[in-house]
Protein backbone atom coordinates (compact mmCIF):
# COMPACT_ATOMS: atom_id res chain seq x y z
CA MET A 1 152.81 124.36 262.00
CA ILE A 2 156.19 123.12 263.16
CA GLU A 3 157.48 125.82 265.50
CA PHE A 4 161.13 125.69 266.52
CA THR A 5 161.56 127.32 269.92
CA GLU A 6 165.14 126.99 271.14
CA LEU A 7 168.64 126.06 269.98
CA TYR A 8 171.39 125.10 272.41
CA ILE A 9 175.04 124.98 271.25
CA ALA A 10 177.93 123.67 273.36
CA ARG A 11 181.52 123.43 272.06
CA PHE A 12 180.41 122.95 268.47
CA LEU A 13 182.75 123.86 265.57
CA SER A 14 184.09 127.38 266.17
CA PHE A 15 181.90 127.95 269.26
CA GLY A 16 183.98 127.16 272.34
CA GLY A 17 181.30 128.02 274.90
CA GLU A 18 177.65 127.26 275.51
CA TYR A 19 174.86 129.34 273.97
CA THR A 20 171.07 129.25 274.00
CA ILE A 21 169.25 130.98 271.14
CA LYS A 22 165.53 131.63 270.93
CA LEU A 23 164.13 130.64 267.53
CA ASN A 24 160.42 131.45 267.56
CA LYS A 25 158.72 134.75 266.68
CA ARG A 26 161.89 136.78 266.06
CA GLY A 27 161.00 138.00 262.58
CA LEU A 28 163.79 138.87 260.17
CA VAL A 29 167.07 138.36 262.03
CA LEU A 30 170.37 139.58 260.67
CA VAL A 31 173.26 137.25 261.47
CA GLN A 32 176.42 139.29 261.06
CA GLY A 33 180.00 138.50 261.86
CA ILE A 34 183.08 140.28 263.25
CA ASN A 35 186.51 138.69 262.87
CA GLU A 36 188.76 140.34 265.42
CA ASP A 37 191.49 137.74 264.83
CA ASP A 38 191.90 139.03 261.26
CA PRO A 39 190.23 142.41 260.67
CA ASN A 40 191.17 142.27 256.99
CA LEU A 41 188.63 139.47 256.54
CA ASP A 42 185.89 141.74 257.84
CA SER A 43 183.07 139.36 258.80
CA ASN A 44 184.37 136.39 256.83
CA ASP A 45 185.50 133.33 258.80
CA ALA A 46 183.84 134.67 261.93
CA GLY A 47 181.65 131.54 262.22
CA LYS A 48 178.28 132.86 261.02
CA SER A 49 177.50 129.79 258.92
CA ASN A 50 178.34 127.54 261.86
CA LEU A 51 175.18 128.80 263.55
CA LEU A 52 173.13 127.33 260.69
CA SER A 53 175.28 124.20 260.66
CA ALA A 54 174.38 123.64 264.32
CA ILE A 55 170.71 123.37 263.29
CA THR A 56 171.33 121.00 260.37
CA TRP A 57 173.79 118.89 262.38
CA VAL A 58 171.50 118.35 265.36
CA LEU A 59 168.57 117.49 263.08
CA PHE A 60 170.28 115.54 260.30
CA GLU A 61 173.91 115.02 261.38
CA ARG A 62 175.07 117.12 258.44
CA LEU A 63 176.51 120.61 258.08
CA SER A 64 174.76 123.33 256.10
CA LYS A 65 177.85 123.95 253.99
CA THR A 66 177.99 120.47 252.54
CA LEU A 67 175.86 117.47 251.75
CA MET A 68 178.48 115.12 253.17
CA LYS A 69 177.65 112.87 256.10
CA ASN A 70 179.73 111.77 259.06
CA HIS A 71 182.00 114.72 259.74
CA GLY A 72 183.15 112.72 262.71
CA ASP A 73 185.08 114.42 265.46
CA ASP A 74 185.69 117.54 263.31
CA VAL A 75 182.47 119.03 264.71
CA VAL A 76 184.06 119.24 268.17
CA ASN A 77 185.63 122.61 268.94
CA LYS A 78 189.41 122.34 268.66
CA GLY A 79 189.91 123.52 272.23
CA GLN A 80 187.37 121.11 273.72
CA ILE A 81 187.00 117.37 274.18
CA ASP A 82 183.32 116.98 273.29
CA CYS A 83 180.34 118.84 271.89
CA MET A 84 176.58 118.81 272.15
CA VAL A 85 173.76 120.54 270.27
CA SER A 86 170.07 120.40 271.10
CA ILE A 87 166.97 121.88 269.51
CA LYS A 88 163.33 122.05 270.56
CA TRP A 89 160.14 122.43 268.57
CA ARG A 90 156.47 121.78 268.86
CA ASN A 91 153.87 120.62 266.39
CA GLY A 92 150.49 121.59 267.73
CA ALA A 93 150.23 120.27 271.28
CA LYS A 94 153.09 117.82 270.83
CA GLU A 95 156.60 118.88 271.80
CA TYR A 96 159.87 117.46 270.52
CA SER A 97 163.50 117.82 271.42
CA VAL A 98 166.67 116.44 269.83
CA GLN A 99 170.05 116.15 271.56
CA ARG A 100 173.07 115.08 269.56
CA PHE A 101 176.42 114.33 271.20
CA ARG A 102 179.95 113.84 270.00
CA LYS A 103 182.71 112.30 272.12
CA HIS A 104 180.59 112.92 275.19
CA SER A 105 181.85 111.35 278.42
CA THR A 106 178.53 109.62 279.16
CA GLN A 107 176.48 109.86 275.96
CA GLY A 108 179.29 109.12 273.53
CA ASN A 109 178.26 109.77 269.90
CA SER A 110 174.55 109.22 270.47
CA CYS A 111 171.38 111.02 269.51
CA GLN A 112 168.14 111.31 271.45
CA LEU A 113 164.67 112.25 270.28
CA SER A 114 162.47 113.53 273.09
CA GLY A 115 164.68 111.79 275.62
CA LYS A 116 164.50 108.39 273.88
CA SER A 117 167.74 106.74 272.83
CA GLY A 118 168.07 104.20 270.07
CA THR A 119 170.36 103.36 267.23
CA LYS A 120 171.58 106.47 265.49
CA SER A 121 170.09 105.48 262.14
CA ALA A 122 166.71 104.69 263.68
CA THR A 123 166.67 107.99 265.60
CA ASN A 124 167.61 109.91 262.46
CA GLU A 125 164.70 108.27 260.61
CA ASP A 126 162.32 109.20 263.45
CA ILE A 127 163.50 112.83 263.27
CA VAL A 128 162.81 112.92 259.52
CA LYS A 129 159.32 111.52 260.13
CA ALA A 130 158.63 114.08 262.86
CA LEU A 131 159.75 116.96 260.61
CA GLY A 132 158.10 115.60 257.50
CA MET A 133 161.13 116.25 255.30
CA THR A 134 164.61 114.94 254.59
CA TYR A 135 167.83 116.91 254.82
CA GLU A 136 167.87 117.51 251.06
CA MET A 137 164.37 119.01 251.09
CA PHE A 138 165.17 121.00 254.25
CA LEU A 139 168.30 122.40 252.59
CA ARG A 140 166.54 123.27 249.33
CA SER A 141 163.31 124.78 250.63
CA VAL A 142 163.88 125.96 254.24
CA PHE A 143 167.61 126.62 254.42
CA TRP A 144 169.69 128.49 251.88
CA PRO A 145 173.29 127.24 251.93
CA GLN A 146 176.29 129.08 250.56
CA ASN A 147 176.51 128.48 246.81
CA THR A 148 180.25 127.99 247.04
CA SER A 149 179.84 124.74 248.95
CA VAL A 150 176.51 123.31 247.72
CA ARG A 151 175.25 123.10 244.14
CA ARG A 152 172.67 125.78 243.33
CA LEU A 153 169.04 124.71 243.18
CA THR A 154 168.67 125.67 239.51
CA GLU A 155 171.81 123.73 238.58
CA LEU A 156 171.13 120.36 240.22
CA ARG A 157 171.45 117.08 238.38
CA ASP A 158 168.41 115.15 237.16
CA SER A 159 168.89 112.59 239.95
CA ASP A 160 168.97 115.37 242.58
CA TYR A 161 165.72 116.86 241.27
CA LYS A 162 164.21 113.39 241.21
CA GLU A 163 164.98 112.92 244.92
CA LEU A 164 163.27 116.22 245.73
CA PHE A 165 160.18 115.45 243.67
CA ASP A 166 160.10 111.89 244.98
CA GLU A 167 159.81 113.37 248.45
CA LEU A 168 157.28 115.98 247.34
CA VAL A 169 154.84 113.58 245.72
CA ASN A 170 155.68 110.75 248.13
CA THR A 171 156.81 108.44 245.34
CA GLN A 172 158.04 106.04 247.98
CA HIS A 173 154.36 105.27 248.42
CA TYR A 174 154.20 104.24 244.75
CA GLU A 175 157.48 102.34 245.05
CA ASP A 176 156.18 100.46 248.09
CA LYS A 177 152.95 99.71 246.28
CA ARG A 178 154.84 98.55 243.21
CA LEU A 179 157.14 96.40 245.35
CA LYS A 180 154.11 94.74 246.92
CA VAL A 181 152.54 94.31 243.49
CA ASN A 182 155.76 92.74 242.16
CA MET A 183 155.85 90.41 245.15
CA ARG A 184 152.26 89.41 244.43
CA LEU A 185 153.09 88.99 240.75
CA LYS A 186 156.02 86.75 241.63
CA ASP A 187 153.84 84.77 244.01
CA ILE A 188 151.17 84.43 241.30
CA GLN A 189 153.82 83.39 238.77
CA ASP A 190 155.14 80.76 241.17
CA GLN A 191 151.60 79.52 241.76
CA LEU A 192 150.99 79.41 238.01
CA VAL A 193 154.16 77.38 237.48
CA SER A 194 153.14 75.00 240.26
CA LEU A 195 149.60 74.80 238.91
CA GLY A 196 150.94 74.19 235.41
CA THR A 197 152.92 71.24 236.74
CA ASP A 198 149.88 69.92 238.62
CA VAL A 199 147.69 70.35 235.52
CA SER A 200 150.22 68.48 233.38
CA VAL A 201 150.38 65.65 235.93
CA LYS A 202 146.59 65.46 236.16
CA GLU A 203 146.24 65.50 232.36
CA GLY A 204 148.79 62.69 232.15
CA LEU A 205 146.82 60.68 234.70
CA VAL A 206 143.59 61.30 232.76
CA ILE A 207 145.26 60.08 229.55
CA ALA A 208 146.53 56.99 231.39
CA CYS A 209 142.99 56.36 232.71
CA ASP A 210 141.60 56.73 229.18
CA GLU A 211 144.12 54.19 227.93
CA ASP A 212 143.25 51.74 230.72
CA ILE A 213 139.53 52.23 230.12
CA ALA A 214 140.01 51.74 226.38
CA PHE A 215 141.96 48.54 227.02
CA ILE A 216 139.33 47.17 229.38
CA GLN A 217 136.56 48.27 227.04
CA LYS A 218 138.33 46.53 224.20
CA GLU A 219 138.22 43.33 226.24
CA PHE A 220 134.50 43.85 226.72
CA ASP A 221 133.99 44.57 223.02
CA THR A 222 135.90 41.38 222.21
CA LEU A 223 133.62 39.28 224.41
CA LYS A 224 130.48 41.17 223.49
CA GLY A 225 127.84 38.97 221.72
CA VAL A 226 129.91 35.79 222.00
CA ASN A 227 127.74 32.55 222.04
CA VAL A 228 129.76 30.61 224.53
CA LYS A 229 127.43 27.59 224.62
CA LYS A 230 127.53 27.14 220.87
CA ILE A 231 131.30 27.48 220.91
CA GLU A 232 131.46 25.01 223.77
CA ARG A 233 129.31 22.52 221.80
CA LEU A 234 131.45 22.93 218.70
CA ILE A 235 134.65 22.71 220.72
CA SER A 236 133.30 19.47 222.26
CA GLN A 237 132.60 18.11 218.79
CA LEU A 238 136.02 19.29 217.66
CA THR A 239 137.65 17.59 220.63
CA MET A 240 135.85 14.33 219.91
CA ALA A 241 136.68 14.59 216.22
CA GLU A 242 140.32 15.25 217.01
CA LYS A 243 140.32 12.27 219.40
CA LYS A 244 138.76 10.03 216.78
CA LEU A 245 141.23 11.33 214.21
CA ALA A 246 144.05 10.47 216.56
CA ASP A 247 142.58 6.99 217.06
CA ASP A 248 142.16 6.55 213.31
CA ARG A 249 145.71 7.59 212.73
CA ASP A 250 146.91 5.13 215.36
CA MET A 251 144.86 2.39 213.69
CA PHE A 252 146.14 3.45 210.27
CA ALA A 253 149.66 3.28 211.59
CA ASN A 254 149.03 -0.22 212.99
CA ALA A 255 147.35 -1.34 209.76
CA SER A 256 150.21 0.04 207.73
CA SER A 257 152.69 -1.83 209.91
CA GLU A 258 150.66 -5.05 209.52
CA TYR A 259 150.45 -4.49 205.76
CA LEU A 260 154.21 -4.02 205.56
CA ARG A 261 154.74 -7.17 207.65
CA LYS A 262 152.35 -9.17 205.46
CA THR A 263 154.04 -7.79 202.36
CA TYR A 264 157.39 -8.90 203.66
CA GLN A 265 156.07 -12.37 204.53
CA PHE A 266 154.43 -12.65 201.13
CA LYS A 267 157.57 -11.65 199.30
CA THR A 268 159.67 -14.01 201.42
CA LYS A 269 157.29 -16.92 200.92
CA MET A 270 157.01 -16.09 197.21
CA ALA A 271 160.77 -16.28 196.93
CA ASP A 272 160.76 -19.59 198.76
CA TYR A 273 158.04 -20.88 196.44
CA LYS A 274 159.93 -19.77 193.38
CA GLY A 275 163.04 -21.55 194.71
CA LEU A 276 161.16 -24.75 195.35
CA LEU A 277 159.53 -24.56 191.92
CA ALA A 278 162.91 -24.10 190.26
CA HIS A 279 164.30 -27.00 192.23
CA PHE A 280 161.40 -29.16 191.13
CA ARG A 281 161.96 -28.21 187.51
CA HIS A 282 165.62 -29.14 187.73
CA LEU A 283 164.66 -32.46 189.16
CA GLN A 284 162.29 -32.94 186.23
CA GLN A 285 165.34 -32.56 184.05
CA GLY A 286 167.21 -35.18 186.06
CA LEU A 287 169.65 -32.77 187.49
CA ARG A 288 170.73 -32.13 191.00
CA VAL A 289 171.43 -28.49 191.63
CA LYS A 290 173.43 -27.08 194.48
CA LYS A 291 175.67 -24.13 195.13
CA CYS A 292 179.38 -24.12 195.63
CA ASN A 293 180.21 -23.39 199.18
CA GLU A 294 183.27 -21.36 198.18
CA CYS A 295 182.11 -19.30 195.20
CA GLY A 296 178.30 -19.67 195.27
CA GLN A 297 178.21 -20.99 191.70
CA VAL A 298 175.23 -23.21 190.85
CA LEU A 299 176.44 -26.69 190.13
CA ALA A 300 174.38 -29.38 188.39
CA SER A 301 175.00 -33.04 188.60
CA LYS A 302 173.25 -36.22 187.40
CA LEU A 303 171.20 -38.29 189.89
CA SER A 304 170.25 -41.92 189.92
CA VAL A 305 166.66 -42.93 188.94
CA ASP A 306 165.56 -43.90 192.41
CA MET A 307 167.08 -40.86 193.97
CA LEU A 308 165.57 -38.67 191.32
CA THR A 309 162.07 -40.13 191.80
CA ARG A 310 162.16 -39.63 195.52
CA LYS A 311 163.53 -36.10 195.20
CA ARG A 312 160.90 -35.15 192.66
CA LYS A 313 158.13 -36.32 194.95
CA ASP A 314 159.50 -34.39 197.89
CA ALA A 315 160.10 -31.26 195.80
CA LYS A 316 156.59 -31.39 194.39
CA ALA A 317 155.06 -31.71 197.80
CA ALA A 318 157.15 -28.82 199.14
CA ALA A 319 156.27 -26.62 196.17
CA LEU A 320 152.57 -27.35 196.52
CA PHE A 321 152.71 -26.51 200.24
CA ALA A 322 154.60 -23.29 199.54
CA MET A 323 152.07 -22.37 196.84
CA ASN A 324 149.20 -22.79 199.31
CA GLU A 325 151.02 -20.59 201.85
CA VAL A 326 151.59 -17.96 199.20
CA LYS A 327 147.90 -17.98 198.37
CA ASP A 328 147.01 -17.60 202.02
CA LEU A 329 149.56 -14.76 202.47
CA LYS A 330 148.27 -13.01 199.36
CA SER A 331 144.75 -13.14 200.72
CA ASP A 332 145.99 -11.71 204.04
CA LEU A 333 147.95 -9.01 202.19
CA LEU A 334 144.91 -7.94 200.21
CA SER A 335 142.91 -7.79 203.41
CA ALA A 336 145.61 -5.70 205.11
CA HIS A 337 145.75 -3.36 202.10
CA LYS A 338 141.99 -2.91 202.23
CA THR A 339 142.24 -2.13 205.95
CA VAL A 340 144.92 0.52 205.27
CA MET A 341 142.82 2.12 202.55
CA ASP A 342 139.74 2.10 204.75
CA LYS A 343 141.66 3.76 207.64
CA ASN A 344 143.12 6.35 205.27
CA GLN A 345 139.64 7.20 204.00
CA ALA A 346 138.43 7.42 207.61
CA ILE A 347 141.30 9.82 208.42
CA GLU A 348 140.46 12.01 205.43
CA ALA A 349 136.80 12.04 206.40
CA GLN A 350 137.68 12.94 209.98
CA GLU A 351 139.98 15.76 208.84
CA ARG A 352 137.18 17.12 206.67
CA ALA A 353 134.87 16.99 209.67
CA ILE A 354 137.40 18.82 211.81
CA GLN A 355 137.80 21.51 209.16
CA THR A 356 134.02 21.86 209.01
CA ILE A 357 133.82 22.25 212.79
CA GLN A 358 136.73 24.73 212.82
CA GLY A 359 135.01 26.64 210.01
CA ALA A 360 131.92 26.88 212.19
CA ILE A 361 133.92 27.97 215.24
CA GLU A 362 136.14 30.60 213.60
CA PRO A 363 133.39 33.19 212.78
CA ILE A 364 131.99 33.12 216.30
CA MET A 365 135.28 32.85 218.21
CA PRO A 366 136.46 36.33 219.51
CA GLU A 367 139.55 37.86 218.00
CA GLY A 368 142.75 36.82 219.72
CA PHE A 369 141.50 33.39 220.76
CA ILE A 370 142.61 30.16 218.99
CA CYS A 371 139.88 27.93 217.63
CA ASP A 372 140.73 24.94 219.78
CA SER A 373 140.15 23.67 223.26
CA ALA A 374 143.06 25.72 224.64
CA GLY A 375 141.56 28.86 223.08
CA PHE A 376 138.18 27.95 224.56
CA GLN A 377 139.79 27.58 227.96
CA GLN A 378 141.26 31.08 227.56
CA LEU A 379 137.84 32.33 226.50
CA THR A 380 136.10 30.84 229.51
CA ALA A 381 138.83 32.25 231.74
CA ALA A 382 138.26 35.67 230.11
CA PHE A 383 134.54 35.40 230.88
CA ARG A 384 135.34 34.52 234.46
CA LEU A 385 137.54 37.62 234.68
CA LYS A 386 134.94 39.80 233.00
CA GLU A 387 133.16 40.58 236.27
CA ALA A 388 136.44 41.58 237.89
CA ALA A 389 137.23 43.66 234.80
CA GLN A 390 133.88 45.41 235.17
CA GLY A 391 134.87 46.32 238.69
CA ARG A 392 138.21 47.64 237.41
CA LEU A 393 136.38 49.58 234.71
CA ARG A 394 134.06 51.19 237.25
CA ALA A 395 137.05 52.03 239.46
CA LYS A 396 138.93 53.56 236.51
CA GLU A 397 135.90 55.57 235.43
CA GLY A 398 135.47 56.81 239.02
CA GLN A 399 139.17 57.68 239.14
CA LYS A 400 138.85 59.53 235.83
CA THR A 401 135.83 61.47 237.11
CA ALA A 402 137.77 62.50 240.23
CA LEU A 403 140.79 63.46 238.11
CA LEU A 404 138.63 65.52 235.75
CA SER A 405 137.06 67.26 238.73
CA ASP A 406 140.50 68.03 240.15
CA LEU A 407 141.67 69.14 236.72
CA ASN A 408 138.70 71.49 236.31
CA THR A 409 139.39 72.90 239.78
CA LEU A 410 143.04 73.45 238.87
CA LYS A 411 142.15 75.09 235.56
CA SER A 412 139.60 77.28 237.31
CA ARG A 413 142.29 78.36 239.79
CA GLU A 414 144.65 78.89 236.87
CA SER A 415 142.11 81.11 235.10
CA LYS A 416 141.57 83.15 238.26
CA LEU A 417 145.32 83.48 238.76
CA LEU A 418 145.78 84.58 235.15
CA LEU A 419 143.06 87.19 235.69
CA ARG A 420 144.78 88.35 238.89
CA GLN A 421 148.11 88.37 237.09
CA SER A 422 146.59 90.60 234.41
CA ARG A 423 145.20 92.96 237.06
CA PHE A 424 148.45 93.12 238.98
CA SER A 425 150.35 93.69 235.74
CA LEU A 426 148.13 96.71 235.17
CA LEU A 427 148.83 97.85 238.74
CA ASP A 428 152.56 97.37 238.12
CA GLN A 429 152.29 99.66 235.12
CA ALA A 430 150.17 102.11 237.13
CA TYR A 431 152.68 102.32 239.99
CA GLY A 432 155.73 102.21 237.71
CA PRO A 433 157.36 104.90 235.56
CA GLY A 434 154.88 106.56 233.26
CA GLY A 435 152.01 105.62 235.56
CA LEU A 436 150.23 107.33 238.43
CA ARG A 437 153.42 108.95 239.71
CA THR A 438 154.13 110.51 236.32
CA LEU A 439 150.49 111.59 236.05
CA ARG A 440 150.68 113.26 239.45
CA LEU A 441 153.91 114.99 238.47
CA MET A 442 152.25 116.24 235.29
CA ARG A 443 149.42 117.68 237.40
CA LEU A 444 151.67 119.24 240.05
CA THR A 445 154.28 120.74 237.74
CA PRO A 446 151.95 123.44 236.27
CA GLN A 447 150.96 124.40 239.82
CA LEU A 448 154.62 124.62 240.80
CA ASN A 449 155.32 126.81 237.79
CA ARG A 450 152.43 129.11 238.73
CA TYR A 451 154.04 129.53 242.15
CA ALA A 452 157.34 130.32 240.43
CA ASP A 453 155.63 132.94 238.23
CA GLU A 454 154.02 134.43 241.33
CA TYR A 455 157.36 134.83 243.13
CA SER A 456 159.06 136.05 239.95
CA ALA A 457 156.47 138.82 239.71
CA LYS A 458 157.06 139.77 243.34
CA LEU A 459 160.84 139.59 243.27
CA VAL A 460 161.89 140.78 239.81
CA GLU A 461 158.58 141.97 238.34
CA GLY A 462 158.56 139.17 235.76
CA LEU A 463 162.06 139.72 234.41
CA LEU A 464 162.84 136.05 235.06
CA LYS A 465 160.78 132.99 234.25
CA VAL A 466 161.69 129.91 236.26
CA GLN A 467 160.18 126.81 234.72
CA PHE A 468 160.10 123.36 236.38
CA SER A 469 160.00 120.36 234.05
CA THR A 470 159.39 116.82 235.32
CA THR A 471 158.38 114.86 232.23
CA THR A 472 159.26 114.60 228.56
CA LYS A 473 157.51 113.03 225.62
CA LEU A 474 159.40 110.43 223.61
CA LYS A 475 159.17 109.96 219.85
CA GLY A 476 156.88 106.98 220.27
CA GLY A 477 154.45 109.06 222.33
CA ASP A 478 155.39 107.55 225.68
CA ILE A 479 155.93 109.84 228.66
CA ARG A 480 158.99 109.41 230.85
CA GLU A 481 160.26 111.38 233.81
CA LYS A 482 162.97 113.96 233.22
CA TYR A 483 163.71 116.59 235.84
CA GLU A 484 165.18 120.04 235.25
CA ILE A 485 164.67 123.72 236.08
CA LEU A 486 164.86 126.11 233.14
CA VAL A 487 165.47 129.83 233.62
CA TYR A 488 164.44 132.33 230.93
CA ARG A 489 164.77 136.11 230.78
CA ASN A 490 162.34 138.68 229.42
CA PRO A 491 163.49 139.22 225.81
CA GLU A 492 162.26 142.83 225.86
CA ILE A 493 164.74 143.83 228.57
CA ASP A 494 168.48 143.66 228.03
CA PHE A 495 170.22 141.97 230.94
CA SER A 496 172.38 138.91 231.43
CA LEU A 497 171.44 135.69 233.22
CA SER A 498 175.06 134.84 233.84
CA GLY A 499 175.49 137.32 236.68
CA GLY A 500 175.52 136.07 240.29
CA GLY A 501 172.67 138.37 241.30
CA MET A 502 170.25 137.02 238.72
CA LYS A 503 171.25 133.42 239.50
CA ARG A 504 170.49 134.04 243.18
CA ARG A 505 167.14 135.56 242.33
CA ALA A 506 166.31 132.53 240.17
CA ASP A 507 167.33 130.20 243.01
CA ILE A 508 165.19 132.12 245.52
CA ILE A 509 162.19 131.99 243.18
CA ALA A 510 162.65 128.21 242.71
CA ALA A 511 163.15 127.64 246.45
CA PHE A 512 160.03 129.62 247.42
CA ALA A 513 157.92 127.83 244.78
CA LEU A 514 159.23 124.44 245.92
CA ASP A 515 158.55 125.25 249.59
CA LYS A 516 155.06 126.49 248.87
CA LEU A 517 154.19 123.30 247.02
CA ARG A 518 155.74 121.29 249.86
CA LYS A 519 153.54 123.07 252.42
CA LYS A 520 150.45 122.51 250.28
CA LEU A 521 151.12 118.80 249.80
CA THR A 522 152.30 117.93 253.32
CA GLY A 523 150.22 120.44 255.28
CA LYS A 524 153.33 121.15 257.38
CA ASP A 525 154.79 124.62 257.64
CA ILE A 526 157.97 125.52 259.54
CA ASN A 527 158.39 128.77 261.44
CA ILE A 528 162.09 129.08 260.69
CA ARG A 529 164.03 129.95 257.53
CA ALA A 530 167.74 130.46 257.06
CA TYR A 531 169.59 132.17 254.18
CA ASP A 532 173.37 132.17 253.99
CA GLU A 533 174.76 134.94 251.76
CA ALA A 534 171.54 134.96 249.72
CA THR A 535 172.16 138.51 248.39
CA ASP A 536 175.83 138.14 247.58
CA GLY A 537 176.34 139.84 244.20
CA VAL A 538 172.91 141.48 244.30
CA ASP A 539 172.60 145.27 244.09
CA GLY A 540 170.97 147.36 246.81
CA LEU A 541 167.55 147.49 245.19
CA GLY A 542 167.63 143.77 244.63
CA GLU A 543 168.56 143.20 248.28
CA LEU A 544 165.60 145.23 249.46
CA SER A 545 163.20 143.31 247.21
CA ILE A 546 164.58 140.01 248.55
CA LEU A 547 164.24 141.15 252.17
CA GLU A 548 160.70 142.35 251.55
CA LEU A 549 159.81 138.97 250.07
CA LEU A 550 161.34 137.16 253.05
CA ARG A 551 159.41 139.31 255.49
CA GLU A 552 156.18 138.70 253.60
CA GLU A 553 156.60 134.94 253.13
CA CYS A 554 158.34 134.04 256.41
CA PRO A 555 156.40 135.50 259.36
CA GLY A 556 158.17 133.34 261.95
CA THR A 557 161.95 133.59 262.26
CA THR A 558 164.31 134.10 259.34
CA LEU A 559 168.04 133.91 260.01
CA PHE A 560 169.68 136.00 257.33
CA VAL A 561 173.45 135.47 257.24
CA SER A 562 175.38 138.23 255.45
CA HIS A 563 178.81 139.83 255.45
CA LYS A 564 177.41 143.16 254.23
CA ALA A 565 176.69 146.20 256.35
CA TYR A 566 173.11 147.16 255.60
CA VAL A 567 172.27 150.86 255.40
CA ASP A 568 168.59 150.32 256.17
CA ALA A 569 168.76 148.47 259.50
CA THR A 570 165.02 148.90 259.95
CA MET A 571 164.51 146.03 257.52
CA PHE A 572 165.56 143.64 260.30
CA ASP A 573 163.70 142.90 263.50
CA ASP A 574 166.69 141.53 265.40
CA THR A 575 170.41 141.00 265.15
CA ILE A 576 172.75 138.16 266.12
CA THR A 577 176.44 138.92 266.04
CA VAL A 578 179.00 136.15 265.76
CA ARG A 579 182.34 137.47 266.98
CA ARG A 580 185.61 135.63 266.46
CA ARG A 581 188.28 136.30 269.05
CA ASP A 582 191.24 134.13 270.07
CA ASN A 583 190.29 131.48 267.48
CA ALA A 584 186.85 130.98 269.02
CA SER A 585 183.43 132.31 268.11
CA THR A 586 180.91 133.83 270.49
CA ILE A 587 177.27 134.67 269.97
CA GLU A 588 175.92 138.10 270.94
CA GLU A 589 172.25 139.01 270.67
CA SER A 590 170.94 142.55 270.65
């Protein structure tokens, strides 16, 4: 039980002096007003509501007549330079006090909770925590403001109702949970993105390892089963055959040159022989033949007998010598021709041998290697590198194993994160609209409506039905939050809901139901209630029923502000009179 004990007012609004008011165990207290500055106004403008505003201002820095914040220096009495309001209460064995200042010479515009100063916003939050309710809930369930300045409870907007129910069911708890869940979801999503990148990199490295392993393995497959010694023997034979072929070709070239030289000599000597023979034959005919030095024409002339005989003898001897040389050259030419033919046959035989050896090498030579000595050198080099390649292969296979292990670890983490993401997504739905909060509202709303029916039976004997609604069902079957208060009348009785009296009764029923649910959920009751013009427009019988309900439901202190003069004064346990004189209000207690 939160029990307010004392209120202190100094130079606040219309109150120019300092007043201390006891708040606990006073029962039903009538707060009436007397306006001596303007008797025609009766009790209006005497400053009655300012007494309630002092309570709301010191607790929440707001006035009871309005939901506005920061009234600034307007709260200071016009004839004074500063103001101060304090209030005390206790909750069990713990005592609290709040002092709020405006334009104070030493305290400035500060606020203190139990003597501790801090920033105004932080102190205001601490006060709300100590009371267990915000200003809006305080105003709607504990205090009854004038309807002319604050929207009636049954006519609030959906957002206003939502704020009240958010406070009732502590939806901030769900919002905080959902915020944490969303932060975890974002963190998980970031981790998944990072893991996805790591997985892609690792998979790329595994593919690269596979390609390297395949390349090295291909080298092994190429050299697998190769008979190097046989290839070496055949390559040796091939080398020797190629060397012999080269020698044969050199010899063939030399023989061909010799044959051409012999042919030239033979043809030259043959021409000489033919010339000598023709010269001899001319001499046989007794002619001397010679060529003209100018035109080259062959000229014949007669010779003497002695000259002719001698010439014939010489020509015959020269012809016979030339004929013998021709015979010798012909024999040499035939020999040279035979040598050329023999070398050509040797070359052809050697080429056939080389082809045979190459034919034997080609089937057993690995792919990619040329069937010659250079290819064999590459092959032997490949075999020398095979051991190093085996080491590279083992290293690549080890690297692949490590990569696969890392990849499996990453995928395992990814699977766990996806599972956590799924769980947190469910939690996000649970803590979001249509989730646990909506479910709790659906459970609490019927209870709230039962309280409303209970107070309707007490106050108007069931003439009014005040119905709270917090959810609605969409066409698709989904449930969403929608806040409203519906007021119905008993169709069997003819009366209007548009009258001020019935509207006030409906508001009182809704306020009592809301406060009762608040007390049940929070476990915190408050010993003070305040109602400002709650029975304005209500007939005498209705006033009595309202006062009886207040006395029954509010055993602590109820400040009942009214401008009416009540006939049955025994309904009140105490009276506070606010008197306005010389533009200032005073407080008188009986």
